[in-house]
């Protein structure tokens, strides 16, 4: 609550709050706290919601860290974090920030993470959520222009997956000899 009132009073301090607060102390080992941090990230941006702050160059640098955090969350092994991050992507303001600050490269990075989640996550509900947001991003007004890029990324992933399936397993290294056998062999050579 205090961050909301602080950001409403001083929206220019969002960069400081994100850099020196939320992103700096992001929990690495506690999924429940990490889930709260994802929610807090969205609420901070909603409280500011001003073009004068969200469209500045200083915020572009911070948002690069936010994009990296979103990618890391999508790669998380904990399903709640992945699901919460997918929910974060449904927020219009987040998508607008990704478009403004990340553009094509930002969407590519996020979409690659979504593809991995849709194909490899252990929980089928999370895989379905990822597939739904991928389909939705292809239809959304802002990201509709990236449909060919998204489809190309999906095709590349499928080709890579097929290639990995058709490759034979790597050869097993020969078993090492016991140290006594190695010594005997060295002595016989000498």
Protein backbone atom coordinates (compact mmCIF):
# COMPACT_ATOMS: atom_id res chain seq x y z
CA UNK A 1 0.00 0.00 0.00
CA UNK A 2 2.76 2.44 0.84
CA UNK A 3 4.34 1.99 -2.57
CA UNK A 4 1.04 2.77 -4.27
CA UNK A 5 0.61 6.04 -2.39
CA UNK A 6 4.30 6.87 -2.82
CA UNK A 7 4.13 6.30 -6.58
CA UNK A 8 0.91 8.28 -6.93
CA UNK A 9 2.54 11.21 -5.16
CA UNK A 10 5.91 10.86 -6.96
CA UNK A 11 5.47 8.96 -10.24
CA UNK A 12 8.96 9.97 -11.36
CA UNK A 13 10.38 7.75 -8.61
CA UNK A 14 9.16 4.56 -10.31
CA UNK A 15 12.59 3.91 -11.79
CA UNK A 16 14.19 4.18 -8.36
CA UNK A 17 11.58 1.95 -6.72
CA UNK A 18 11.93 -0.72 -9.42
CA UNK A 19 15.73 -0.64 -9.59
CA UNK A 20 16.58 -0.23 -5.93
CA UNK A 21 13.63 -2.11 -4.54
CA UNK A 22 11.61 -4.64 -6.42
CA UNK A 23 14.17 -5.88 -8.95
CA UNK A 24 17.10 -5.71 -6.57
CA UNK A 25 15.46 -7.79 -3.85
CA UNK A 26 13.58 -10.21 -6.08
CA UNK A 27 13.23 -13.50 -4.17
CA UNK A 28 15.07 -16.38 -5.78
CA UNK A 29 14.11 -19.27 -3.54
CA UNK A 30 10.61 -18.48 -2.29
CA UNK A 31 7.89 -19.03 -4.92
CA UNK A 32 5.14 -17.42 -2.82
CA UNK A 33 7.13 -14.20 -2.42
CA UNK A 34 8.11 -14.26 -6.06
CA UNK A 35 4.45 -14.54 -6.99
CA UNK A 36 3.72 -11.47 -4.86
CA UNK A 37 6.55 -9.58 -6.55
CA UNK A 38 5.06 -10.33 -9.99
CA UNK A 39 1.71 -8.95 -8.84
CA UNK A 40 3.42 -5.92 -7.29
CA UNK A 41 5.24 -5.19 -10.54
CA UNK A 42 1.96 -4.90 -12.44
CA UNK A 43 0.33 -2.80 -9.76
CA UNK A 44 3.28 -0.37 -9.68
CA UNK A 45 2.99 0.25 -13.39
CA UNK A 46 -0.76 0.73 -13.09
CA UNK A 47 -0.33 3.33 -10.36
CA UNK A 48 2.05 5.39 -12.45
CA UNK A 49 0.34 4.94 -15.84
CA UNK A 50 1.72 8.20 -17.16
CA UNK A 51 3.38 8.56 -20.51
CA UNK A 52 5.83 11.10 -19.07
CA UNK A 53 7.30 8.37 -16.87
CA UNK A 54 6.72 5.18 -18.83
CA UNK A 55 8.06 6.62 -22.10
CA UNK A 56 11.34 8.01 -20.80
CA UNK A 57 14.78 6.72 -21.69
CA UNK A 58 15.60 5.99 -18.05
CA UNK A 59 12.55 3.76 -17.83
CA UNK A 60 13.67 1.98 -21.01
CA UNK A 61 16.80 0.82 -19.19
CA UNK A 62 14.78 -0.38 -16.21
CA UNK A 63 12.21 -2.08 -18.40
CA UNK A 64 15.00 -4.11 -20.01
CA UNK A 65 15.53 -5.58 -16.53
CA UNK A 66 11.79 -6.13 -16.20
CA UNK A 67 11.74 -8.00 -19.53
CA UNK A 68 14.64 -10.15 -18.37
CA UNK A 69 12.77 -10.91 -15.14
CA UNK A 70 9.65 -11.88 -17.12
CA UNK A 71 11.75 -14.26 -19.22
CA UNK A 72 13.32 -15.79 -16.11
CA UNK A 73 9.89 -16.21 -14.54
CA UNK A 74 8.61 -17.99 -17.63
CA UNK A 75 11.57 -20.36 -17.33
CA UNK A 76 10.84 -21.04 -13.66
CA UNK A 77 10.23 -24.59 -12.53
CA UNK A 78 7.42 -23.48 -10.23
CA UNK A 79 4.07 -23.45 -12.01
CA UNK A 80 2.56 -20.64 -9.93
CA UNK A 81 5.30 -18.24 -10.98
CA UNK A 82 4.89 -19.18 -14.64
CA UNK A 83 1.10 -18.85 -14.43
CA UNK A 84 1.32 -15.49 -12.65
CA UNK A 85 3.74 -14.22 -15.28
CA UNK A 86 1.41 -15.36 -18.05
CA UNK A 87 -1.37 -13.45 -16.29
CA UNK A 88 0.93 -10.44 -16.19
CA UNK A 89 1.22 -10.59 -19.98
CA UNK A 90 -2.57 -10.26 -20.24
CA UNK A 91 -2.37 -6.76 -18.77
CA UNK A 92 -2.71 -4.11 -21.47
CA UNK A 93 -0.26 -1.69 -19.85
CA UNK A 94 2.43 -4.37 -19.61
CA UNK A 95 1.98 -5.25 -23.28
CA UNK A 96 2.16 -1.58 -24.23
CA UNK A 97 5.38 -1.18 -22.25
CA UNK A 98 6.85 -4.28 -23.89
CA UNK A 99 5.94 -2.88 -27.29
CA UNK A 100 7.30 0.59 -26.56
CA UNK A 101 10.52 -0.41 -24.79
CA UNK A 102 11.24 -3.87 -26.18
CA UNK A 103 9.62 -3.80 -29.59
CA UNK A 104 10.22 -6.76 -31.85
CA UNK A 105 13.19 -8.10 -29.91
CA UNK A 106 11.28 -7.94 -26.63
CA UNK A 107 8.32 -9.82 -28.05
CA UNK A 108 10.60 -12.38 -29.68
CA UNK A 109 12.34 -13.12 -26.39
CA UNK A 110 9.05 -13.48 -24.53
CA UNK A 111 7.47 -15.57 -27.27
CA UNK A 112 10.41 -18.00 -27.30
CA UNK A 113 9.92 -18.47 -23.55
CA UNK A 114 6.19 -19.03 -24.07
CA UNK A 115 6.94 -21.66 -26.72
CA UNK A 116 9.22 -23.50 -24.30
CA UNK A 117 6.54 -23.40 -21.61
CA UNK A 118 3.88 -24.62 -24.06
CA UNK A 119 6.03 -27.58 -25.12
CA UNK A 120 8.08 -28.59 -22.10
CA UNK A 121 6.40 -27.53 -18.86
CA UNK A 122 5.51 -30.45 -16.61
CA UNK A 123 1.99 -29.21 -15.79
CA UNK A 124 -0.50 -29.46 -18.64
CA UNK A 125 -2.61 -26.55 -17.33
CA UNK A 126 0.40 -24.26 -17.52
CA UNK A 127 1.19 -25.55 -21.01
CA UNK A 128 -2.40 -24.77 -22.02
CA UNK A 129 -2.21 -21.27 -20.51
CA UNK A 130 0.95 -20.61 -22.45
CA UNK A 131 -0.60 -21.87 -25.68
CA UNK A 132 -3.66 -19.69 -25.09
CA UNK A 133 -1.61 -16.53 -24.55
CA UNK A 134 0.45 -17.37 -27.65
CA UNK A 135 -2.72 -17.68 -29.73
CA UNK A 136 -4.09 -14.53 -28.17
CA UNK A 137 -0.91 -12.55 -28.90
CA UNK A 138 -1.30 -13.41 -32.57
CA UNK A 139 -4.74 -11.77 -32.56
CA UNK A 140 -4.03 -8.82 -30.27
CA UNK A 141 -3.94 -5.41 -31.94
CA UNK A 142 -0.44 -4.42 -30.81
CA UNK A 143 1.25 -7.76 -31.47
CA UNK A 144 -0.68 -8.72 -34.59
CA UNK A 145 2.13 -7.27 -36.72
CA UNK A 146 4.52 -9.90 -35.32
CA UNK A 147 2.43 -12.93 -36.37
CA UNK A 148 4.88 -13.99 -39.08
CA UNK A 149 7.77 -13.71 -36.62
CA UNK A 150 5.85 -15.72 -34.02
CA UNK A 151 5.04 -18.44 -36.54
CA UNK A 152 8.66 -18.53 -37.69
CA UNK A 153 9.81 -18.96 -34.08
CA UNK A 154 7.34 -21.81 -33.60
CA UNK A 155 8.53 -23.47 -36.80
CA UNK A 156 12.18 -23.16 -35.74
CA UNK A 157 11.35 -24.70 -32.37
CA UNK A 158 9.51 -27.61 -34.00
CA UNK A 159 12.40 -28.21 -36.42
CA UNK A 160 14.91 -28.14 -33.59
CA UNK A 161 12.75 -30.53 -31.57
CA UNK A 162 12.48 -32.93 -34.53
CA UNK A 163 16.22 -32.73 -35.11
CA UNK A 164 16.91 -33.63 -31.49
CA UNK A 165 14.55 -36.60 -31.71
CA UNK A 166 16.21 -38.01 -34.83
CA UNK A 167 19.79 -37.69 -33.58
CA UNK A 168 21.23 -40.86 -32.12
CA UNK A 169 22.26 -40.73 -28.48
CA UNK A 170 25.88 -39.76 -27.89
CA UNK A 171 28.28 -42.72 -27.67
CA UNK A 172 29.11 -43.93 -24.21
CA UNK A 173 32.73 -43.42 -23.17
CA UNK A 174 34.69 -46.65 -22.74
CA UNK A 175 34.83 -47.89 -19.21
CA UNK A 176 37.94 -46.87 -17.39
CA UNK A 177 40.32 -49.53 -16.30
CA UNK A 178 41.08 -50.11 -12.70
CA UNK A 179 44.22 -48.31 -11.44
CA UNK A 180 46.06 -51.62 -10.98
CA UNK A 181 45.46 -52.58 -14.60
CA UNK A 182 46.74 -49.18 -15.74
CA UNK A 183 49.91 -49.59 -13.66
CA UNK A 184 50.50 -53.09 -15.02
CA UNK A 185 50.03 -51.85 -18.57
CA UNK A 186 52.47 -48.97 -18.00
CA UNK A 187 55.05 -51.33 -16.48
CA UNK A 188 54.78 -53.76 -19.38
CA UNK A 189 55.34 -50.92 -21.84
CA UNK A 190 58.44 -49.71 -19.97
